[in-house]
Amino acid sequence: QISAAVPSLYCFLVALNQGNEPELLRRQFSDGTGIFGCNAFDLYSEVSMVVGPGPAGQVVSVSMGGPMAASSMHNTRDFLRAWAKVREKGTYMFHDFIVKVDPDTVFFAHRLRPQLQAQNIMGATDRAFFKNCRSYNSVQGPLEVFTRAAADAFLNSIDRCQAQAFMMEKGEDWFFDKCMEYIGSRAVEGFNLLEDQWCTRAKPSCGGTTAAFHPLKTTEGYGECVKTARLHE
């Protein structure tokens, strides 16, 4: 039962209504990968869109308005709108860890859970987030993992972080990383959580026990990565 798996994960993503992302989401939904393997999840997009039929009715993204930025280098304000929705819904408060995933990321929640358990981090009290790129000692946007306590602190400090001009100069992952540092959240090494081409400068292998791989921008490439990853389980 995904709903009972521990530690519990609240996962969310922000998707474009155009291009390949809607079909990528439907592929993930059909095979139970990505955020659909988490205990609870939400999808956000400029306008609401149907992903597929779930046990409790249609799975539909939450409209957060727009327009959306054309580049990930200028998407911080898009995610500030998404964060406002996350805070408004409050679902994250009932889970140990929060995971933000990009739509073109192959993500396996069942691989992430034991890696988080091994850290002995208390989601409710430890203000911790994971650096997932060794090359830059940074948080890469395809997979952002942090505790409930860190999420509380982040949400309560977004206005302060927005006031720091340098945090608004680049993409959302830069803002998130620098804001977490600014408010005193503890950075934990999580370099084995994600294979990201923009960190390693190599295409993701989709092998080993890594929890996430990026980028896989077509349904065909996504499916092949999932197939390869599952051969290693």
C-alpha atoms as a PDB file:
ATOM      1  CA  GLN A   1       0.000   0.000   0.000  1.00  0.00           C
ATOM      2  CA  ILE A   2       1.625   3.233  -1.177  1.00  0.00           C
ATOM      3  CA  SER A   3      -0.463   5.256   1.272  1.00  0.00           C
ATOM      4  CA  ALA A   4       1.131   3.409   4.220  1.00  0.00           C
ATOM      5  CA  ALA A   5       4.742   3.346   2.992  1.00  0.00           C
ATOM      6  CA  VAL A   6       7.337   5.017   5.218  1.00  0.00           C
ATOM      7  CA  PRO A   7       8.799   7.500   5.366  1.00  0.00           C
ATOM      8  CA  SER A   8       5.776   9.176   3.879  1.00  0.00           C
ATOM      9  CA  LEU A   9       6.339  11.374   0.831  1.00  0.00           C
ATOM     10  CA  TYR A  10       4.297  14.317  -0.413  1.00  0.00           C
ATOM     11  CA  CYS A  11       5.347  14.942  -4.005  1.00  0.00           C
ATOM     12  CA  PHE A  12       4.434  17.675  -6.450  1.00  0.00           C
ATOM     13  CA  LEU A  13       5.357  18.963  -9.863  1.00  0.00           C
ATOM     14  CA  VAL A  14       4.691  21.916 -12.122  1.00  0.00           C
ATOM     15  CA  ALA A  15       3.888  21.062 -15.738  1.00  0.00           C
ATOM     16  CA  LEU A  16       3.329  22.938 -18.959  1.00  0.00           C
ATOM     17  CA  ASN A  17      -0.002  22.496 -20.697  1.00  0.00           C
ATOM     18  CA  GLN A  18       1.720  22.419 -24.080  1.00  0.00           C
ATOM     19  CA  GLY A  19       4.491  20.321 -25.582  1.00  0.00           C
ATOM     20  CA  ASN A  20       5.508  16.873 -24.375  1.00  0.00           C
ATOM     21  CA  GLU A  21       4.851  17.236 -20.650  1.00  0.00           C
ATOM     22  CA  PRO A  22       1.154  16.246 -20.606  1.00  0.00           C
ATOM     23  CA  GLU A  23       1.941  12.957 -22.368  1.00  0.00           C
ATOM     24  CA  LEU A  24       4.913  12.332 -20.095  1.00  0.00           C
ATOM     25  CA  LEU A  25       2.623  12.721 -17.091  1.00  0.00           C
ATOM     26  CA  ARG A  26       0.069  10.323 -18.551  1.00  0.00           C
ATOM     27  CA  ARG A  27       2.834   7.783 -19.137  1.00  0.00           C
ATOM     28  CA  GLN A  28       3.997   8.134 -15.530  1.00  0.00           C
ATOM     29  CA  PHE A  29       0.437   7.832 -14.264  1.00  0.00           C
ATOM     30  CA  SER A  30      -0.147   4.655 -16.261  1.00  0.00           C
ATOM     31  CA  ASP A  31       2.929   2.861 -14.889  1.00  0.00           C
ATOM     32  CA  GLY A  32       2.909   4.284 -11.361  1.00  0.00           C
ATOM     33  CA  THR A  33       6.240   6.074 -11.568  1.00  0.00           C
ATOM     34  CA  GLY A  34       7.116   9.672 -10.753  1.00  0.00           C
ATOM     35  CA  ILE A  35       4.981  11.446  -8.181  1.00  0.00           C
ATOM     36  CA  PHE A  36       2.330   8.749  -8.597  1.00  0.00           C
ATOM     37  CA  GLY A  37       4.425   6.426  -6.418  1.00  0.00           C
ATOM     38  CA  CYS A  38       4.278   8.849  -3.477  1.00  0.00           C
ATOM     39  CA  ASN A  39       1.928   8.696  -0.493  1.00  0.00           C
ATOM     40  CA  ALA A  40       0.232  11.883  -1.690  1.00  0.00           C
ATOM     41  CA  PHE A  41       0.791  14.124  -4.679  1.00  0.00           C
ATOM     42  CA  ASP A  42      -0.340  17.268  -6.465  1.00  0.00           C
ATOM     43  CA  LEU A  43       0.135  18.508 -10.002  1.00  0.00           C
ATOM     44  CA  TYR A  44       0.131  22.202 -10.902  1.00  0.00           C
ATOM     45  CA  SER A  45      -0.175  23.817 -14.319  1.00  0.00           C
ATOM     46  CA  GLU A  46      -1.181  27.122 -15.856  1.00  0.00           C
ATOM     47  CA  VAL A  47      -4.671  25.811 -16.534  1.00  0.00           C
ATOM     48  CA  SER A  48      -6.225  22.622 -15.213  1.00  0.00           C
ATOM     49  CA  MET A  49      -5.742  19.437 -17.269  1.00  0.00           C
ATOM     50  CA  VAL A  50      -6.877  15.837 -16.913  1.00  0.00           C
ATOM     51  CA  VAL A  51      -4.117  13.263 -16.491  1.00  0.00           C
ATOM     52  CA  GLY A  52      -6.209  10.101 -16.172  1.00  0.00           C
ATOM     53  CA  PRO A  53      -8.828   8.150 -14.205  1.00  0.00           C
ATOM     54  CA  GLY A  54      -7.912   7.350 -10.598  1.00  0.00           C
ATOM     55  CA  PRO A  55      -9.652   5.282  -7.901  1.00  0.00           C
ATOM     56  CA  ALA A  56     -11.282   8.428  -6.492  1.00  0.00           C
ATOM     57  CA  GLY A  57     -12.132   9.964  -9.869  1.00  0.00           C
ATOM     58  CA  GLN A  58     -10.197  11.852 -12.505  1.00  0.00           C
ATOM     59  CA  VAL A  59      -6.662  12.945 -11.634  1.00  0.00           C
ATOM     60  CA  VAL A  60      -6.577  16.606 -12.568  1.00  0.00           C
ATOM     61  CA  SER A  61      -3.876  19.235 -12.217  1.00  0.00           C
ATOM     62  CA  VAL A  62      -4.509  22.340 -10.130  1.00  0.00           C
ATOM     63  CA  SER A  63      -4.611  25.610 -12.054  1.00  0.00           C
ATOM     64  CA  MET A  64      -2.093  28.128 -10.731  1.00  0.00           C
ATOM     65  CA  GLY A  65      -2.383  30.777 -13.418  1.00  0.00           C
ATOM     66  CA  GLY A  66       0.246  32.094 -15.746  1.00  0.00           C
ATOM     67  CA  PRO A  67       1.760  32.781 -18.107  1.00  0.00           C
ATOM     68  CA  MET A  68       4.524  30.228 -17.505  1.00  0.00           C
ATOM     69  CA  ALA A  69       8.156  31.082 -18.210  1.00  0.00           C
ATOM     70  CA  ALA A  70       9.605  29.669 -21.412  1.00  0.00           C
ATOM     71  CA  SER A  71      12.940  28.829 -19.781  1.00  0.00           C
ATOM     72  CA  SER A  72      13.926  27.039 -16.589  1.00  0.00           C
ATOM     73  CA  MET A  73      16.393  29.876 -16.016  1.00  0.00           C
ATOM     74  CA  HIS A  74      13.474  32.233 -15.424  1.00  0.00           C
ATOM     75  CA  ASN A  75      10.880  30.017 -13.730  1.00  0.00           C
ATOM     76  CA  THR A  76      11.224  31.128 -10.118  1.00  0.00           C
ATOM     77  CA  ARG A  77       8.007  33.156 -10.145  1.00  0.00           C
ATOM     78  CA  ASP A  78       6.107  30.177 -11.591  1.00  0.00           C
ATOM     79  CA  PHE A  79       7.193  28.112  -8.627  1.00  0.00           C
ATOM     80  CA  LEU A  80       6.379  30.857  -6.160  1.00  0.00           C
ATOM     81  CA  ARG A  81       2.787  30.542  -7.383  1.00  0.00           C
ATOM     82  CA  ALA A  82       2.994  26.753  -7.008  1.00  0.00           C
ATOM     83  CA  TRP A  83       4.395  27.087  -3.488  1.00  0.00           C
ATOM     84  CA  ALA A  84       1.497  29.342  -2.567  1.00  0.00           C
ATOM     85  CA  LYS A  85      -0.860  26.556  -3.682  1.00  0.00           C
ATOM     86  CA  VAL A  86       1.119  23.920  -1.754  1.00  0.00           C
ATOM     87  CA  ARG A  87       0.829  26.036   1.364  1.00  0.00           C
ATOM     88  CA  GLU A  88      -2.864  26.713   0.786  1.00  0.00           C
ATOM     89  CA  LYS A  89      -3.693  23.017   0.411  1.00  0.00           C
ATOM     90  CA  GLY A  90      -1.537  22.016   3.363  1.00  0.00           C
ATOM     91  CA  THR A  91      -1.284  18.338   2.397  1.00  0.00           C
ATOM     92  CA  TYR A  92       2.481  18.389   2.897  1.00  0.00           C
ATOM     93  CA  MET A  93       1.988  18.900   6.648  1.00  0.00           C
ATOM     94  CA  PHE A  94       0.863  15.272   7.039  1.00  0.00           C
ATOM     95  CA  HIS A  95       4.037  13.750   5.552  1.00  0.00           C
ATOM     96  CA  ASP A  96       7.663  13.277   6.540  1.00  0.00           C
ATOM     97  CA  PHE A  97       9.363  14.510   3.383  1.00  0.00           C
ATOM     98  CA  ILE A  98       8.413  16.768   0.493  1.00  0.00           C
ATOM     99  CA  VAL A  99       9.688  15.987  -2.990  1.00  0.00           C
ATOM    100  CA  LYS A 100       9.479  18.351  -5.941  1.00  0.00           C
ATOM    101  CA  VAL A 101       9.945  16.498  -9.236  1.00  0.00           C
ATOM    102  CA  ASP A 102      10.288  17.793 -12.798  1.00  0.00           C
ATOM    103  CA  PRO A 103       7.966  16.235 -15.406  1.00  0.00           C
ATOM    104  CA  ASP A 104      10.896  14.970 -17.511  1.00  0.00           C
ATOM    105  CA  THR A 105      12.446  13.099 -14.566  1.00  0.00           C
ATOM    106  CA  VAL A 106      12.196   9.332 -14.159  1.00  0.00           C
ATOM    107  CA  PHE A 107      11.590   9.035 -10.410  1.00  0.00           C
ATOM    108  CA  PHE A 108      11.059   5.962  -8.234  1.00  0.00           C
ATOM    109  CA  ALA A 109       9.613   6.789  -4.819  1.00  0.00           C
ATOM    110  CA  HIS A 110      10.227   3.255  -3.544  1.00  0.00           C
ATOM    111  CA  ARG A 111      13.961   3.747  -4.127  1.00  0.00           C
ATOM    112  CA  LEU A 112      14.047   7.095  -2.374  1.00  0.00           C
ATOM    113  CA  ARG A 113      12.374   5.915   0.852  1.00  0.00           C
ATOM    114  CA  PRO A 114      15.138   3.555   2.078  1.00  0.00           C
ATOM    115  CA  GLN A 115      17.798   6.138   1.258  1.00  0.00           C
ATOM    116  CA  LEU A 116      15.965   8.668   3.401  1.00  0.00           C
ATOM    117  CA  GLN A 117      15.444   6.156   6.200  1.00  0.00           C
ATOM    118  CA  ALA A 118      19.177   5.500   6.307  1.00  0.00           C
ATOM    119  CA  GLN A 119      19.790   9.171   7.136  1.00  0.00           C
ATOM    120  CA  ASN A 120      17.856   8.960  10.432  1.00  0.00           C
ATOM    121  CA  ILE A 121      16.344  12.388   9.805  1.00  0.00           C
ATOM    122  CA  MET A 122      13.104  13.314  11.571  1.00  0.00           C
ATOM    123  CA  GLY A 123      10.823  14.972   9.062  1.00  0.00           C
ATOM    124  CA  ALA A 124       8.746  16.805  11.657  1.00  0.00           C
ATOM    125  CA  THR A 125      11.629  18.429  13.523  1.00  0.00           C
ATOM    126  CA  ASP A 126      14.832  18.388  11.445  1.00  0.00           C
ATOM    127  CA  ARG A 127      15.105  21.315   9.053  1.00  0.00           C
ATOM    128  CA  ALA A 128      17.063  19.469   6.386  1.00  0.00           C
ATOM    129  CA  PHE A 129      17.312  19.459   2.593  1.00  0.00           C
ATOM    130  CA  PHE A 130      19.433  17.433   0.196  1.00  0.00           C
ATOM    131  CA  LYS A 131      22.194  18.640  -2.089  1.00  0.00           C
ATOM    132  CA  ASN A 132      22.053  16.278  -5.064  1.00  0.00           C
ATOM    133  CA  CYS A 133      24.862  17.450  -7.359  1.00  0.00           C
ATOM    134  CA  ARG A 134      28.440  16.744  -6.327  1.00  0.00           C
ATOM    135  CA  SER A 135      29.954  18.809  -9.155  1.00  0.00           C
ATOM    136  CA  TYR A 136      28.437  22.070  -7.913  1.00  0.00           C
ATOM    137  CA  ASN A 137      27.481  21.102  -4.348  1.00  0.00           C
ATOM    138  CA  SER A 138      24.013  22.227  -5.322  1.00  0.00           C
ATOM    139  CA  VAL A 139      20.346  21.334  -5.470  1.00  0.00           C
ATOM    140  CA  GLN A 140      19.365  20.399  -9.026  1.00  0.00           C
ATOM    141  CA  GLY A 141      15.707  21.060  -9.826  1.00  0.00           C
ATOM    142  CA  PRO A 142      14.721  17.653 -11.231  1.00  0.00           C
ATOM    143  CA  LEU A 143      14.539  16.238  -7.680  1.00  0.00           C
ATOM    144  CA  GLU A 144      14.312  18.491  -4.634  1.00  0.00           C
ATOM    145  CA  VAL A 145      13.970  16.582  -1.344  1.00  0.00           C
ATOM    146  CA  PHE A 146      13.450  18.197   2.060  1.00  0.00           C
ATOM    147  CA  THR A 147      11.757  17.592   5.381  1.00  0.00           C
ATOM    148  CA  ARG A 148       8.384  18.852   6.515  1.00  0.00           C
ATOM    149  CA  ALA A 149      10.145  21.075   9.051  1.00  0.00           C
ATOM    150  CA  ALA A 150      12.299  22.575   6.285  1.00  0.00           C
ATOM    151  CA  ALA A 151       9.198  23.127   4.162  1.00  0.00           C
ATOM    152  CA  ASP A 152       7.546  25.021   7.023  1.00  0.00           C
ATOM    153  CA  ALA A 153      10.591  27.242   7.417  1.00  0.00           C
ATOM    154  CA  PHE A 154      10.869  27.800   3.657  1.00  0.00           C
ATOM    155  CA  LEU A 155       7.213  28.708   3.216  1.00  0.00           C
ATOM    156  CA  ASN A 156       7.399  31.123   6.140  1.00  0.00           C
ATOM    157  CA  SER A 157      10.479  32.790   4.657  1.00  0.00           C
ATOM    158  CA  ILE A 158       9.673  33.090   0.958  1.00  0.00           C
ATOM    159  CA  ASP A 159       9.023  36.833   1.186  1.00  0.00           C
ATOM    160  CA  ARG A 160      12.379  37.388   2.916  1.00  0.00           C
ATOM    161  CA  CYS A 161      14.162  35.333   0.272  1.00  0.00           C
ATOM    162  CA  GLN A 162      12.429  37.171  -2.573  1.00  0.00           C
ATOM    163  CA  ALA A 163      13.808  40.395  -1.144  1.00  0.00           C
ATOM    164  CA  GLN A 164      17.353  39.099  -1.735  1.00  0.00           C
ATOM    165  CA  ALA A 165      17.984  40.184  -5.320  1.00  0.00           C
ATOM    166  CA  PHE A 166      20.673  37.588  -6.035  1.00  0.00           C
ATOM    167  CA  MET A 167      18.236  34.750  -5.278  1.00  0.00           C
ATOM    168  CA  MET A 168      15.909  35.934  -8.046  1.00  0.00           C
ATOM    169  CA  GLU A 169      18.593  36.089 -10.733  1.00  0.00           C
ATOM    170  CA  LYS A 170      18.426  32.455 -11.866  1.00  0.00           C
ATOM    171  CA  GLY A 171      16.038  29.493 -11.920  1.00  0.00           C
ATOM    172  CA  GLU A 172      13.839  27.992  -9.229  1.00  0.00           C
ATOM    173  CA  ASP A 173      16.395  25.459  -8.014  1.00  0.00           C
ATOM    174  CA  TRP A 174      18.929  28.257  -7.394  1.00  0.00           C
ATOM    175  CA  PHE A 175      16.275  30.187  -5.429  1.00  0.00           C
ATOM    176  CA  PHE A 176      15.340  27.101  -3.400  1.00  0.00           C
ATOM    177  CA  ASP A 177      18.962  26.172  -2.618  1.00  0.00           C
ATOM    178  CA  LYS A 178      20.026  29.690  -1.631  1.00  0.00           C
ATOM    179  CA  CYS A 179      16.853  30.373   0.358  1.00  0.00           C
ATOM    180  CA  MET A 180      17.270  27.163   2.347  1.00  0.00           C
ATOM    181  CA  GLU A 181      20.833  28.148   3.171  1.00  0.00           C
ATOM    182  CA  TYR A 182      19.812  31.712   4.035  1.00  0.00           C
ATOM    183  CA  ILE A 183      17.208  30.603   6.573  1.00  0.00           C
ATOM    184  CA  GLY A 184      19.560  28.124   8.222  1.00  0.00           C
ATOM    185  CA  SER A 185      18.222  24.785   7.030  1.00  0.00           C
ATOM    186  CA  ARG A 186      20.790  21.989   7.179  1.00  0.00           C
ATOM    187  CA  ALA A 187      22.191  20.730   3.891  1.00  0.00           C
ATOM    188  CA  VAL A 188      22.636  16.950   3.665  1.00  0.00           C
ATOM    189  CA  GLU A 189      24.669  15.202   0.977  1.00  0.00           C
ATOM    190  CA  GLY A 190      22.352  13.296  -1.337  1.00  0.00           C
ATOM    191  CA  PHE A 191      24.615  12.913  -4.350  1.00  0.00           C
ATOM    192  CA  ASN A 192      23.383   9.355  -4.948  1.00  0.00           C
ATOM    193  CA  LEU A 193      19.723  10.366  -5.243  1.00  0.00           C
ATOM    194  CA  LEU A 194      19.777  11.804  -8.773  1.00  0.00           C
ATOM    195  CA  GLU A 195      21.585  11.305 -12.071  1.00  0.00           C
ATOM    196  CA  ASP A 196      21.210  14.644 -13.810  1.00  0.00           C
ATOM    197  CA  GLN A 197      22.867  15.337 -17.139  1.00  0.00           C
ATOM    198  CA  TRP A 198      23.294  19.004 -16.235  1.00  0.00           C
ATOM    199  CA  CYS A 199      25.327  17.973 -13.188  1.00  0.00           C
ATOM    200  CA  THR A 200      27.312  14.981 -14.458  1.00  0.00           C
ATOM    201  CA  ARG A 201      27.562  16.118 -18.118  1.00  0.00           C
ATOM    202  CA  ALA A 202      26.646  12.562 -19.100  1.00  0.00           C
ATOM    203  CA  LYS A 203      23.354  11.065 -20.174  1.00  0.00           C
ATOM    204  CA  PRO A 204      21.597   9.248 -17.330  1.00  0.00           C
ATOM    205  CA  SER A 205      22.400   5.543 -17.223  1.00  0.00           C
ATOM    206  CA  CYS A 206      19.019   4.534 -15.751  1.00  0.00           C
ATOM    207  CA  GLY A 207      20.882   1.791 -13.874  1.00  0.00           C
ATOM    208  CA  GLY A 208      21.940   1.072 -10.324  1.00  0.00           C
ATOM    209  CA  THR A 209      19.812   2.023  -7.329  1.00  0.00           C
ATOM    210  CA  THR A 210      19.516   5.754  -8.033  1.00  0.00           C
ATOM    211  CA  ALA A 211      16.083   7.193  -7.261  1.00  0.00           C
ATOM    212  CA  ALA A 212      15.831   9.594 -10.222  1.00  0.00           C
ATOM    213  CA  PHE A 213      17.196  10.216 -13.708  1.00  0.00           C
ATOM    214  CA  HIS A 214      17.048  13.398 -15.802  1.00  0.00           C
ATOM    215  CA  PRO A 215      16.283  14.430 -18.501  1.00  0.00           C
ATOM    216  CA  LEU A 216      13.975  12.009 -20.343  1.00  0.00           C
ATOM    217  CA  LYS A 217      11.886  14.280 -22.536  1.00  0.00           C
ATOM    218  CA  THR A 218      10.016  11.808 -24.754  1.00  0.00           C
ATOM    219  CA  THR A 219       7.601   9.051 -23.780  1.00  0.00           C
ATOM    220  CA  GLU A 220       9.783   6.597 -25.684  1.00  0.00           C
ATOM    221  CA  GLY A 221      12.951   7.614 -23.868  1.00  0.00           C
ATOM    222  CA  TYR A 222      11.114   7.689 -20.560  1.00  0.00           C
ATOM    223  CA  GLY A 223       9.784   4.174 -21.115  1.00  0.00           C
ATOM    224  CA  GLU A 224      13.198   2.809 -22.032  1.00  0.00           C
ATOM    225  CA  CYS A 225      14.725   4.336 -18.903  1.00  0.00           C
ATOM    226  CA  VAL A 226      12.023   2.800 -16.700  1.00  0.00           C
ATOM    227  CA  LYS A 227      12.574  -0.578 -18.369  1.00  0.00           C
ATOM    228  CA  THR A 228      16.340  -0.410 -17.845  1.00  0.00           C
ATOM    229  CA  ALA A 229      15.965   0.687 -14.235  1.00  0.00           C
ATOM    230  CA  ARG A 230      13.584  -2.116 -13.404  1.00  0.00           C
ATOM    231  CA  LEU A 231      16.054  -4.673 -14.792  1.00  0.00           C
ATOM    232  CA  HIS A 232      18.351  -3.626 -11.929  1.00  0.00           C
ATOM    233  CA  GLU A 233      15.767  -4.380  -9.225  1.00  0.00           C
END
